[in-house]
Every structure is written in C-alpha cells, then in structure tokens.
Amino acid sequence: SSFRYSLENTRLFLNLLLYGTNQELIPDYVTANPYTECAYYPESK
C-alpha cells in the first residue's frame, strides 16, 4: 500500500525480490542482520 525507506523496510524489499524470484531469503553473500549489508568482489575474494 506504500513504501518508506528504512533499514527494516529495505530488508523487507530485498526479501520480496528474493521470494518473488523463488530464491532463499538469506542466500550467500547477504547478511543475516537487516541493519548490515555486504558486497563480495570475486576477483579480489
């Protein structure tokens, strides 16, 4: 019905993207804690 940016709502939005594309809700290279995020650079490991 609406969307407002917050750390909690950002994780909700990511979860909806994952659920909508039939992926695990916490796949590899996604933090378990919604107040944190991460990025992985394969070439540098």
ModelCIF file with pLDDT and N, C-alpha, C, O atoms, coordinates in Angstrom:
data_MODEL
#
_entry.id   MODEL 
#
_entity.id                         1 
_entity.type                       polymer 
_entity.pdbx_number_of_molecules   1 
#
_entity_poly.entity_id                      1 
_entity_poly.type                           'polypeptide(L)' 
_entity_poly.nstd_linkage                   no 
_entity_poly.nstd_monomer                   no 
_entity_poly.pdbx_seq_one_letter_code       SSFRYSLENTRLFLNLLLYGTNQELIPDYVTANPYTECAYYPESK 
_entity_poly.pdbx_seq_one_letter_code_can   SSFRYSLENTRLFLNLLLYGTNQELIPDYVTANPYTECAYYPESK 
_entity_poly.pdbx_strand_id                 A 
#
loop_
_entity_poly_seq.entity_id 
_entity_poly_seq.num 
_entity_poly_seq.mon_id 
_entity_poly_seq.hetero 
1 1  SER n 
1 2  SER n 
1 3  PHE n 
1 4  ARG n 
1 5  TYR n 
1 6  SER n 
1 7  LEU n 
1 8  GLU n 
1 9  ASN n 
1 10 THR n 
1 11 ARG n 
1 12 LEU n 
1 13 PHE n 
1 14 LEU n 
1 15 ASN n 
1 16 LEU n 
1 17 LEU n 
1 18 LEU n 
1 19 TYR n 
1 20 GLY n 
1 21 THR n 
1 22 ASN n 
1 23 GLN n 
1 24 GLU n 
1 25 LEU n 
1 26 ILE n 
1 27 PRO n 
1 28 ASP n 
1 29 TYR n 
1 30 VAL n 
1 31 THR n 
1 32 ALA n 
1 33 ASN n 
1 34 PRO n 
1 35 TYR n 
1 36 THR n 
1 37 GLU n 
1 38 CYS n 
1 39 ALA n 
1 40 TYR n 
1 41 TYR n 
1 42 PRO n 
1 43 GLU n 
1 44 SER n 
1 45 LYS n 
#
_struct_asym.id          A 
_struct_asym.entity_id   1 
#
loop_
_ma_qa_metric.id 
_ma_qa_metric.mode 
_ma_qa_metric.name 
_ma_qa_metric.software_group_id 
_ma_qa_metric.type 
1 global pLDDT . pLDDT 
2 local  pLDDT . pLDDT 
#
_ma_qa_metric_global.metric_id      1 
_ma_qa_metric_global.metric_value   97.31 
_ma_qa_metric_global.model_id       1 
_ma_qa_metric_global.ordinal_id     1 
#
loop_
_ma_qa_metric_local.label_asym_id 
_ma_qa_metric_local.label_comp_id 
_ma_qa_metric_local.label_seq_id 
_ma_qa_metric_local.metric_id 
_ma_qa_metric_local.metric_value 
_ma_qa_metric_local.model_id 
_ma_qa_metric_local.ordinal_id 
A SER 1  2 97.00 1 1  
A SER 2  2 96.00 1 2  
A PHE 3  2 97.00 1 3  
A ARG 4  2 96.00 1 4  
A TYR 5  2 96.00 1 5  
A SER 6  2 97.00 1 6  
A LEU 7  2 98.00 1 7  
A GLU 8  2 98.00 1 8  
A ASN 9  2 98.00 1 9  
A THR 10 2 98.00 1 10 
A ARG 11 2 98.00 1 11 
A LEU 12 2 98.00 1 12 
A PHE 13 2 98.00 1 13 
A LEU 14 2 98.00 1 14 
A ASN 15 2 98.00 1 15 
A LEU 16 2 98.00 1 16 
A LEU 17 2 98.00 1 17 
A LEU 18 2 98.00 1 18 
A TYR 19 2 98.00 1 19 
A GLY 20 2 97.00 1 20 
A THR 21 2 97.00 1 21 
A ASN 22 2 96.00 1 22 
A GLN 23 2 96.00 1 23 
A GLU 24 2 95.00 1 24 
A LEU 25 2 94.00 1 25 
A ILE 26 2 95.00 1 26 
A PRO 27 2 96.00 1 27 
A ASP 28 2 97.00 1 28 
A TYR 29 2 98.00 1 29 
A VAL 30 2 98.00 1 30 
A THR 31 2 98.00 1 31 
A ALA 32 2 98.00 1 32 
A ASN 33 2 98.00 1 33 
A PRO 34 2 98.00 1 34 
A TYR 35 2 98.00 1 35 
A THR 36 2 98.00 1 36 
A GLU 37 2 98.00 1 37 
A CYS 38 2 98.00 1 38 
A ALA 39 2 98.00 1 39 
A TYR 40 2 98.00 1 40 
A TYR 41 2 98.00 1 41 
A PRO 42 2 98.00 1 42 
A GLU 43 2 97.00 1 43 
A SER 44 2 97.00 1 44 
A LYS 45 2 97.00 1 45 
#
loop_
_atom_site.group_PDB 
_atom_site.id 
_atom_site.type_symbol 
_atom_site.label_atom_id 
_atom_site.label_alt_id 
_atom_site.label_comp_id 
_atom_site.label_asym_id 
_atom_site.label_entity_id 
_atom_site.label_seq_id 
_atom_site.pdbx_PDB_ins_code 
_atom_site.Cartn_x 
_atom_site.Cartn_y 
_atom_site.Cartn_z 
_atom_site.occupancy 
_atom_site.B_iso_or_equiv 
_atom_site.pdbx_formal_charge 
_atom_site.auth_seq_id 
_atom_site.auth_comp_id 
_atom_site.auth_asym_id 
_atom_site.auth_atom_id 
_atom_site.pdbx_PDB_model_num 
ATOM 1   N N  . SER A 1 1  ? 0.816  -1.218  0.000  1.00 97.00 ? 1  SER A N  1 
ATOM 2   C CA . SER A 1 1  ? 0.000  0.000   0.000  1.00 97.00 ? 1  SER A CA 1 
ATOM 3   C C  . SER A 1 1  ? 0.842  1.258   0.000  1.00 97.00 ? 1  SER A C  1 
ATOM 4   O O  . SER A 1 1  ? 0.371  2.310   -0.430 1.00 97.00 ? 1  SER A O  1 
ATOM 5   N N  . SER A 1 2  ? 2.092  1.177   0.477  1.00 96.00 ? 2  SER A N  1 
ATOM 6   C CA . SER A 1 2  ? 3.033  2.293   0.399  1.00 96.00 ? 2  SER A CA 1 
ATOM 7   C C  . SER A 1 2  ? 4.411  1.747   0.725  1.00 96.00 ? 2  SER A C  1 
ATOM 8   O O  . SER A 1 2  ? 4.556  0.588   1.116  1.00 96.00 ? 2  SER A O  1 
ATOM 9   N N  . PHE A 1 3  ? 5.421  2.591   0.562  1.00 97.00 ? 3  PHE A N  1 
ATOM 10  C CA . PHE A 1 3  ? 6.780  2.182   0.922  1.00 97.00 ? 3  PHE A CA 1 
ATOM 11  C C  . PHE A 1 3  ? 7.562  3.404   1.352  1.00 97.00 ? 3  PHE A C  1 
ATOM 12  O O  . PHE A 1 3  ? 7.584  4.424   0.662  1.00 97.00 ? 3  PHE A O  1 
ATOM 13  N N  . ARG A 1 4  ? 8.211  3.284   2.514  1.00 96.00 ? 4  ARG A N  1 
ATOM 14  C CA . ARG A 1 4  ? 9.091  4.330   3.022  1.00 96.00 ? 4  ARG A CA 1 
ATOM 15  C C  . ARG A 1 4  ? 10.437 3.725   3.367  1.00 96.00 ? 4  ARG A C  1 
ATOM 16  O O  . ARG A 1 4  ? 10.515 2.686   4.022  1.00 96.00 ? 4  ARG A O  1 
ATOM 17  N N  . TYR A 1 5  ? 11.484 4.378   2.923  1.00 96.00 ? 5  TYR A N  1 
ATOM 18  C CA . TYR A 1 5  ? 12.830 3.853   3.130  1.00 96.00 ? 5  TYR A CA 1 
ATOM 19  C C  . TYR A 1 5  ? 13.189 3.801   4.612  1.00 96.00 ? 5  TYR A C  1 
ATOM 20  O O  . TYR A 1 5  ? 13.038 4.790   5.329  1.00 96.00 ? 5  TYR A O  1 
ATOM 21  N N  . SER A 1 6  ? 13.653 2.671   5.054  1.00 97.00 ? 6  SER A N  1 
ATOM 22  C CA . SER A 1 6  ? 14.237 2.468   6.374  1.00 97.00 ? 6  SER A CA 1 
ATOM 23  C C  . SER A 1 6  ? 15.090 1.217   6.253  1.00 97.00 ? 6  SER A C  1 
ATOM 24  O O  . SER A 1 6  ? 14.975 0.484   5.272  1.00 97.00 ? 6  SER A O  1 
ATOM 25  N N  . LEU A 1 7  ? 15.935 0.966   7.224  1.00 98.00 ? 7  LEU A N  1 
ATOM 26  C CA . LEU A 1 7  ? 16.765 -0.236  7.163  1.00 98.00 ? 7  LEU A CA 1 
ATOM 27  C C  . LEU A 1 7  ? 15.899 -1.486  7.196  1.00 98.00 ? 7  LEU A C  1 
ATOM 28  O O  . LEU A 1 7  ? 16.164 -2.452  6.482  1.00 98.00 ? 7  LEU A O  1 
ATOM 29  N N  . GLU A 1 8  ? 14.857 -1.464  8.031  1.00 98.00 ? 8  GLU A N  1 
ATOM 30  C CA . GLU A 1 8  ? 13.972 -2.621  8.121  1.00 98.00 ? 8  GLU A CA 1 
ATOM 31  C C  . GLU A 1 8  ? 13.193 -2.819  6.829  1.00 98.00 ? 8  GLU A C  1 
ATOM 32  O O  . GLU A 1 8  ? 13.058 -3.942  6.345  1.00 98.00 ? 8  GLU A O  1 
ATOM 33  N N  . ASN A 1 9  ? 12.679 -1.725  6.271  1.00 98.00 ? 9  ASN A N  1 
ATOM 34  C CA . ASN A 1 9  ? 11.898 -1.850  5.037  1.00 98.00 ? 9  ASN A CA 1 
ATOM 35  C C  . ASN A 1 9  ? 12.768 -2.206  3.838  1.00 98.00 ? 9  ASN A C  1 
ATOM 36  O O  . ASN A 1 9  ? 12.304 -2.856  2.901  1.00 98.00 ? 9  ASN A O  1 
ATOM 37  N N  . THR A 1 10 ? 14.020 -1.785  3.867  1.00 98.00 ? 10 THR A N  1 
ATOM 38  C CA . THR A 1 10 ? 14.934 -2.167  2.791  1.00 98.00 ? 10 THR A CA 1 
ATOM 39  C C  . THR A 1 10 ? 15.147 -3.677  2.791  1.00 98.00 ? 10 THR A C  1 
ATOM 40  O O  . THR A 1 10 ? 15.165 -4.306  1.733  1.00 98.00 ? 10 THR A O  1 
ATOM 41  N N  . ARG A 1 11 ? 15.309 -4.255  3.983  1.00 98.00 ? 11 ARG A N  1 
ATOM 42  C CA . ARG A 1 11 ? 15.444 -5.713  4.037  1.00 98.00 ? 11 ARG A CA 1 
ATOM 43  C C  . ARG A 1 11 ? 14.143 -6.393  3.615  1.00 98.00 ? 11 ARG A C  1 
ATOM 44  O O  . ARG A 1 11 ? 14.173 -7.421  2.939  1.00 98.00 ? 11 ARG A O  1 
ATOM 45  N N  . LEU A 1 12 ? 13.006 -5.829  4.009  1.00 98.00 ? 12 LEU A N  1 
ATOM 46  C CA . LEU A 1 12 ? 11.729 -6.370  3.550  1.00 98.00 ? 12 LEU A CA 1 
ATOM 47  C C  . LEU A 1 12 ? 11.684 -6.382  2.027  1.00 98.00 ? 12 LEU A C  1 
ATOM 48  O O  . LEU A 1 12 ? 11.255 -7.366  1.424  1.00 98.00 ? 12 LEU A O  1 
ATOM 49  N N  . PHE A 1 13 ? 12.126 -5.294  1.404  1.00 98.00 ? 13 PHE A N  1 
ATOM 50  C CA . PHE A 1 13 ? 12.060 -5.209  -0.055 1.00 98.00 ? 13 PHE A CA 1 
ATOM 51  C C  . PHE A 1 13 ? 12.972 -6.248  -0.697 1.00 98.00 ? 13 PHE A C  1 
ATOM 52  O O  . PHE A 1 13 ? 12.593 -6.886  -1.679 1.00 98.00 ? 13 PHE A O  1 
ATOM 53  N N  . LEU A 1 14 ? 14.171 -6.420  -0.147 1.00 98.00 ? 14 LEU A N  1 
ATOM 54  C CA . LEU A 1 14 ? 15.058 -7.457  -0.662 1.00 98.00 ? 14 LEU A CA 1 
ATOM 55  C C  . LEU A 1 14 ? 14.408 -8.827  -0.517 1.00 98.00 ? 14 LEU A C  1 
ATOM 56  O O  . LEU A 1 14 ? 14.474 -9.647  -1.433 1.00 98.00 ? 14 LEU A O  1 
ATOM 57  N N  . ASN A 1 15 ? 13.784 -9.075  0.625  1.00 98.00 ? 15 ASN A N  1 
ATOM 58  C CA . ASN A 1 15 ? 13.112 -10.363 0.830  1.00 98.00 ? 15 ASN A CA 1 
ATOM 59  C C  . ASN A 1 15 ? 12.015 -10.591 -0.201 1.00 98.00 ? 15 ASN A C  1 
ATOM 60  O O  . ASN A 1 15 ? 11.850 -11.704 -0.700 1.00 98.00 ? 15 ASN A O  1 
ATOM 61  N N  . LEU A 1 16 ? 11.267 -9.543  -0.521 1.00 98.00 ? 16 LEU A N  1 
ATOM 62  C CA . LEU A 1 16 ? 10.205 -9.683  -1.529 1.00 98.00 ? 16 LEU A CA 1 
ATOM 63  C C  . LEU A 1 16 ? 10.792 -9.991  -2.901 1.00 98.00 ? 16 LEU A C  1 
ATOM 64  O O  . LEU A 1 16 ? 10.229 -10.785 -3.655 1.00 98.00 ? 16 LEU A O  1 
ATOM 65  N N  . LEU A 1 17 ? 11.921 -9.365  -3.227 1.00 98.00 ? 17 LEU A N  1 
ATOM 66  C CA . LEU A 1 17 ? 12.582 -9.661  -4.504 1.00 98.00 ? 17 LEU A CA 1 
ATOM 67  C C  . LEU A 1 17 ? 13.024 -11.120 -4.544 1.00 98.00 ? 17 LEU A C  1 
ATOM 68  O O  . LEU A 1 17 ? 12.853 -11.802 -5.554 1.00 98.00 ? 17 LEU A O  1 
ATOM 69  N N  . LEU A 1 18 ? 13.592 -11.587 -3.440 1.00 98.00 ? 18 LEU A N  1 
ATOM 70  C CA . LEU A 1 18 ? 14.062 -12.972 -3.386 1.00 98.00 ? 18 LEU A CA 1 
ATOM 71  C C  . LEU A 1 18 ? 12.893 -13.952 -3.439 1.00 98.00 ? 18 LEU A C  1 
ATOM 72  O O  . LEU A 1 18 ? 12.939 -14.944 -4.166 1.00 98.00 ? 18 LEU A O  1 
ATOM 73  N N  . TYR A 1 19 ? 11.848 -13.670 -2.666 1.00 98.00 ? 19 TYR A N  1 
ATOM 74  C CA . TYR A 1 19 ? 10.685 -14.547 -2.649 1.00 98.00 ? 19 TYR A CA 1 
ATOM 75  C C  . TYR A 1 19 ? 10.016 -14.569 -4.022 1.00 98.00 ? 19 TYR A C  1 
ATOM 76  O O  . TYR A 1 19 ? 9.591  -15.621 -4.500 1.00 98.00 ? 19 TYR A O  1 
ATOM 77  N N  . GLY A 1 20 ? 9.930  -13.408 -4.640 1.00 97.00 ? 20 GLY A N  1 
ATOM 78  C CA . GLY A 1 20 ? 9.290  -13.329 -5.949 1.00 97.00 ? 20 GLY A CA 1 
ATOM 79  C C  . GLY A 1 20 ? 10.043 -14.063 -7.030 1.00 97.00 ? 20 GLY A C  1 
ATOM 80  O O  . GLY A 1 20 ? 9.453  -14.473 -8.030 1.00 97.00 ? 20 GLY A O  1 
ATOM 81  N N  . THR A 1 21 ? 11.351 -14.237 -6.843 1.00 97.00 ? 21 THR A N  1 
ATOM 82  C CA . THR A 1 21 ? 12.167 -14.944 -7.834 1.00 97.00 ? 21 THR A CA 1 
ATOM 83  C C  . THR A 1 21 ? 12.555 -16.343 -7.346 1.00 97.00 ? 21 THR A C  1 
ATOM 84  O O  . THR A 1 21 ? 13.472 -16.970 -7.875 1.00 97.00 ? 21 THR A O  1 
ATOM 85  N N  . ASN A 1 22 ? 11.840 -16.812 -6.333 1.00 96.00 ? 22 ASN A N  1 
ATOM 86  C CA . ASN A 1 22 ? 11.987 -18.192 -5.841 1.00 96.00 ? 22 ASN A CA 1 
ATOM 87  C C  . ASN A 1 22 ? 13.398 -18.503 -5.352 1.00 96.00 ? 22 ASN A C  1 
ATOM 88  O O  . ASN A 1 22 ? 13.927 -19.584 -5.609 1.00 96.00 ? 22 ASN A O  1 
ATOM 89  N N  . GLN A 1 23 ? 14.011 -17.538 -4.638 1.00 96.00 ? 23 GLN A N  1 
ATOM 90  C CA . GLN A 1 23 ? 15.337 -17.740 -4.062 1.00 96.00 ? 23 GLN A CA 1 
ATOM 91  C C  . GLN A 1 23 ? 15.232 -17.793 -2.542 1.00 96.00 ? 23 GLN A C  1 
ATOM 92  O O  . GLN A 1 23 ? 14.235 -17.367 -1.958 1.00 96.00 ? 23 GLN A O  1 
ATOM 93  N N  . GLU A 1 24 ? 16.287 -18.327 -1.907 1.00 95.00 ? 24 GLU A N  1 
ATOM 94  C CA . GLU A 1 24 ? 16.343 -18.335 -0.454 1.00 95.00 ? 24 GLU A CA 1 
ATOM 95  C C  . GLU A 1 24 ? 16.301 -16.906 0.065  1.00 95.00 ? 24 GLU A C  1 
ATOM 96  O O  . GLU A 1 24 ? 16.800 -15.985 -0.581 1.00 95.00 ? 24 GLU A O  1 
ATOM 97  N N  . LEU A 1 25 ? 15.699 -16.728 1.243  1.00 94.00 ? 25 LEU A N  1 
ATOM 98  C CA . LEU A 1 25 ? 15.576 -15.379 1.792  1.00 94.00 ? 25 LEU A CA 1 
ATOM 99  C C  . LEU A 1 25 ? 16.898 -14.837 2.324  1.00 94.00 ? 25 LEU A C  1 
ATOM 100 O O  . LEU A 1 25 ? 17.090 -13.622 2.376  1.00 94.00 ? 25 LEU A O  1 
ATOM 101 N N  . ILE A 1 26 ? 17.810 -15.721 2.718  1.00 95.00 ? 26 ILE A N  1 
ATOM 102 C CA . ILE A 1 26 ? 19.158 -15.273 3.091  1.00 95.00 ? 26 ILE A CA 1 
ATOM 103 C C  . ILE A 1 26 ? 20.148 -16.123 2.300  1.00 95.00 ? 26 ILE A C  1 
ATOM 104 O O  . ILE A 1 26 ? 20.726 -17.067 2.838  1.00 95.00 ? 26 ILE A O  1 
ATOM 105 N N  . PRO A 1 27 ? 20.344 -15.795 1.042  1.00 96.00 ? 27 PRO A N  1 
ATOM 106 C CA . PRO A 1 27 ? 21.267 -16.571 0.205  1.00 96.00 ? 27 PRO A CA 1 
ATOM 107 C C  . PRO A 1 27 ? 22.717 -16.216 0.541  1.00 96.00 ? 27 PRO A C  1 
ATOM 108 O O  . PRO A 1 27 ? 22.975 -15.381 1.408  1.00 96.00 ? 27 PRO A O  1 
ATOM 109 N N  . ASP A 1 28 ? 23.643 -16.847 -0.140 1.00 97.00 ? 28 ASP A N  1 
ATOM 110 C CA . ASP A 1 28 ? 25.044 -16.492 0.026  1.00 97.00 ? 28 ASP A CA 1 
ATOM 111 C C  . ASP A 1 28 ? 25.252 -15.004 -0.267 1.00 97.00 ? 28 ASP A C  1 
ATOM 112 O O  . ASP A 1 28 ? 24.616 -14.436 -1.155 1.00 97.00 ? 28 ASP A O  1 
ATOM 113 N N  . TYR A 1 29 ? 26.153 -14.391 0.498  1.00 98.00 ? 29 TYR A N  1 
ATOM 114 C CA . TYR A 1 29 ? 26.560 -13.002 0.317  1.00 98.00 ? 29 TYR A CA 1 
ATOM 115 C C  . TYR A 1 29 ? 25.434 -12.006 0.601  1.00 98.00 ? 29 TYR A C  1 
ATOM 116 O O  . TYR A 1 29 ? 25.367 -10.928 0.011  1.00 98.00 ? 29 TYR A O  1 
ATOM 117 N N  . VAL A 1 30 ? 24.556 -12.400 1.522  1.00 98.00 ? 30 VAL A N  1 
ATOM 118 C CA . VAL A 1 30 ? 23.559 -11.486 2.080  1.00 98.00 ? 30 VAL A CA 1 
ATOM 119 C C  . VAL A 1 30 ? 23.649 -11.612 3.597  1.00 98.00 ? 30 VAL A C  1 
ATOM 120 O O  . VAL A 1 30 ? 23.646 -12.723 4.127  1.00 98.00 ? 30 VAL A O  1 
ATOM 121 N N  . THR A 1 31 ? 23.729 -10.496 4.292  1.00 98.00 ? 31 THR A N  1 
ATOM 122 C CA . THR A 1 31 ? 23.876 -10.535 5.746  1.00 98.00 ? 31 THR A CA 1 
ATOM 123 C C  . THR A 1 31 ? 22.592 -11.015 6.412  1.00 98.00 ? 31 THR A C  1 
ATOM 124 O O  . THR A 1 31 ? 21.489 -10.769 5.923  1.00 98.00 ? 31 THR A O  1 
ATOM 125 N N  . ALA A 1 32 ? 22.759 -11.708 7.542  1.00 98.00 ? 32 ALA A N  1 
ATOM 126 C CA . ALA A 1 32 ? 21.597 -12.179 8.294  1.00 98.00 ? 32 ALA A CA 1 
ATOM 127 C C  . ALA A 1 32 ? 20.929 -11.049 9.060  1.00 98.00 ? 32 ALA A C  1 
ATOM 128 O O  . ALA A 1 32 ? 19.731 -11.113 9.336  1.00 98.00 ? 32 ALA A O  1 
ATOM 129 N N  . ASN A 1 33 ? 21.683 -10.023 9.405  1.00 98.00 ? 33 ASN A N  1 
ATOM 130 C CA . ASN A 1 33 ? 21.184 -8.899  10.196 1.00 98.00 ? 33 ASN A CA 1 
ATOM 131 C C  . ASN A 1 33 ? 20.745 -7.775  9.252  1.00 98.00 ? 33 ASN A C  1 
ATOM 132 O O  . ASN A 1 33 ? 21.574 -7.271  8.495  1.00 98.00 ? 33 ASN A O  1 
ATOM 133 N N  . PRO A 1 34 ? 19.476 -7.366  9.271  1.00 98.00 ? 34 PRO A N  1 
ATOM 134 C CA . PRO A 1 34 ? 18.999 -6.336  8.324  1.00 98.00 ? 34 PRO A CA 1 
ATOM 135 C C  . PRO A 1 34 ? 19.608 -4.962  8.533  1.00 98.00 ? 34 PRO A C  1 
ATOM 136 O O  . PRO A 1 34 ? 19.469 -4.098  7.667  1.00 98.00 ? 34 PRO A O  1 
ATOM 137 N N  . TYR A 1 35 ? 20.275 -4.732  9.646  1.00 98.00 ? 35 TYR A N  1 
ATOM 138 C CA . TYR A 1 35 ? 20.928 -3.444  9.874  1.00 98.00 ? 35 TYR A CA 1 
ATOM 139 C C  . TYR A 1 35 ? 22.322 -3.410  9.262  1.00 98.00 ? 35 TYR A C  1 
ATOM 140 O O  . TYR A 1 35 ? 23.024 -2.402  9.338  1.00 98.00 ? 35 TYR A O  1 
ATOM 141 N N  . THR A 1 36 ? 22.705 -4.514  8.662  1.00 98.00 ? 36 THR A N  1 
ATOM 142 C CA . THR A 1 36 ? 24.004 -4.603  7.994  1.00 98.00 ? 36 THR A CA 1 
ATOM 143 C C  . THR A 1 36 ? 23.800 -5.034  6.545  1.00 98.00 ? 36 THR A C  1 
ATOM 144 O O  . THR A 1 36 ? 22.771 -5.610  6.193  1.00 98.00 ? 36 THR A O  1 
ATOM 145 N N  . GLU A 1 37 ? 24.789 -4.749  5.719  1.00 98.00 ? 37 GLU A N  1 
ATOM 146 C CA . GLU A 1 37 ? 24.794 -5.203  4.330  1.00 98.00 ? 37 GLU A CA 1 
ATOM 147 C C  . GLU A 1 37 ? 26.214 -5.589  3.969  1.00 98.00 ? 37 GLU A C  1 
ATOM 148 O O  . GLU A 1 37 ? 27.158 -5.288  4.700  1.00 98.00 ? 37 GLU A O  1 
ATOM 149 N N  . CYS A 1 38 ? 26.357 -6.258  2.838  1.00 98.00 ? 38 CYS A N  1 
ATOM 150 C CA . CYS A 1 38 ? 27.698 -6.636  2.408  1.00 98.00 ? 38 CYS A CA 1 
ATOM 151 C C  . CYS A 1 38 ? 27.779 -6.638  0.888  1.00 98.00 ? 38 CYS A C  1 
ATOM 152 O O  . CYS A 1 38 ? 26.767 -6.633  0.188  1.00 98.00 ? 38 CYS A O  1 
ATOM 153 N N  . ALA A 1 39 ? 29.018 -6.646  0.401  1.00 98.00 ? 39 ALA A N  1 
ATOM 154 C CA . ALA A 1 39 ? 29.281 -6.764  -1.030 1.00 98.00 ? 39 ALA A CA 1 
ATOM 155 C C  . ALA A 1 39 ? 30.496 -7.662  -1.205 1.00 98.00 ? 39 ALA A C  1 
ATOM 156 O O  . ALA A 1 39 ? 31.491 -7.523  -0.493 1.00 98.00 ? 39 ALA A O  1 
ATOM 157 N N  . TYR A 1 40 ? 30.408 -8.582  -2.158 1.00 98.00 ? 40 TYR A N  1 
ATOM 158 C CA . TYR A 1 40 ? 31.502 -9.521  -2.399 1.00 98.00 ? 40 TYR A CA 1 
ATOM 159 C C  . TYR A 1 40 ? 32.120 -9.245  -3.766 1.00 98.00 ? 40 TYR A C  1 
ATOM 160 O O  . TYR A 1 40 ? 31.417 -9.079  -4.763 1.00 98.00 ? 40 TYR A O  1 
ATOM 161 N N  . TYR A 1 41 ? 33.470 -9.200  -3.788 1.00 98.00 ? 41 TYR A N  1 
ATOM 162 C CA . TYR A 1 41 ? 34.231 -8.937  -5.009 1.00 98.00 ? 41 TYR A CA 1 
ATOM 163 C C  . TYR A 1 41 ? 35.009 -10.206 -5.352 1.00 98.00 ? 41 TYR A C  1 
ATOM 164 O O  . TYR A 1 41 ? 36.089 -10.432 -4.807 1.00 98.00 ? 41 TYR A O  1 
ATOM 165 N N  . PRO A 1 42 ? 34.469 -11.042 -6.256 1.00 98.00 ? 42 PRO A N  1 
ATOM 166 C CA . PRO A 1 42 ? 35.063 -12.357 -6.527 1.00 98.00 ? 42 PRO A CA 1 
ATOM 167 C C  . PRO A 1 42 ? 36.518 -12.316 -6.976 1.00 98.00 ? 42 PRO A C  1 
ATOM 168 O O  . PRO A 1 42 ? 37.307 -13.173 -6.577 1.00 98.00 ? 42 PRO A O  1 
ATOM 169 N N  . GLU A 1 43 ? 36.891 -11.331 -7.802 1.00 97.00 ? 43 GLU A N  1 
ATOM 170 C CA . GLU A 1 43 ? 38.263 -11.285 -8.304 1.00 97.00 ? 43 GLU A CA 1 
ATOM 171 C C  . GLU A 1 43 ? 39.270 -11.077 -7.173 1.00 97.00 ? 43 GLU A C  1 
ATOM 172 O O  . GLU A 1 43 ? 40.370 -11.629 -7.205 1.00 97.00 ? 43 GLU A O  1 
ATOM 173 N N  . SER A 1 44 ? 38.886 -10.275 -6.170 1.00 97.00 ? 44 SER A N  1 
ATOM 174 C CA . SER A 1 44 ? 39.769 -9.995  -5.035 1.00 97.00 ? 44 SER A CA 1 
ATOM 175 C C  . SER A 1 44 ? 39.539 -10.958 -3.890 1.00 97.00 ? 44 SER A C  1 
ATOM 176 O O  . SER A 1 44 ? 40.329 -11.015 -2.947 1.00 97.00 ? 44 SER A O  1 
ATOM 177 N N  . LYS A 1 45 ? 38.434 -11.732 -3.974 1.00 97.00 ? 45 LYS A N  1 
ATOM 178 C CA . LYS A 1 45 ? 37.997 -12.592 -2.863 1.00 97.00 ? 45 LYS A CA 1 
ATOM 179 C C  . LYS A 1 45 ? 37.851 -11.788 -1.565 1.00 97.00 ? 45 LYS A C  1 
ATOM 180 O O  . LYS A 1 45 ? 37.492 -12.349 -0.529 1.00 97.00 ? 45 LYS A O  1 
#
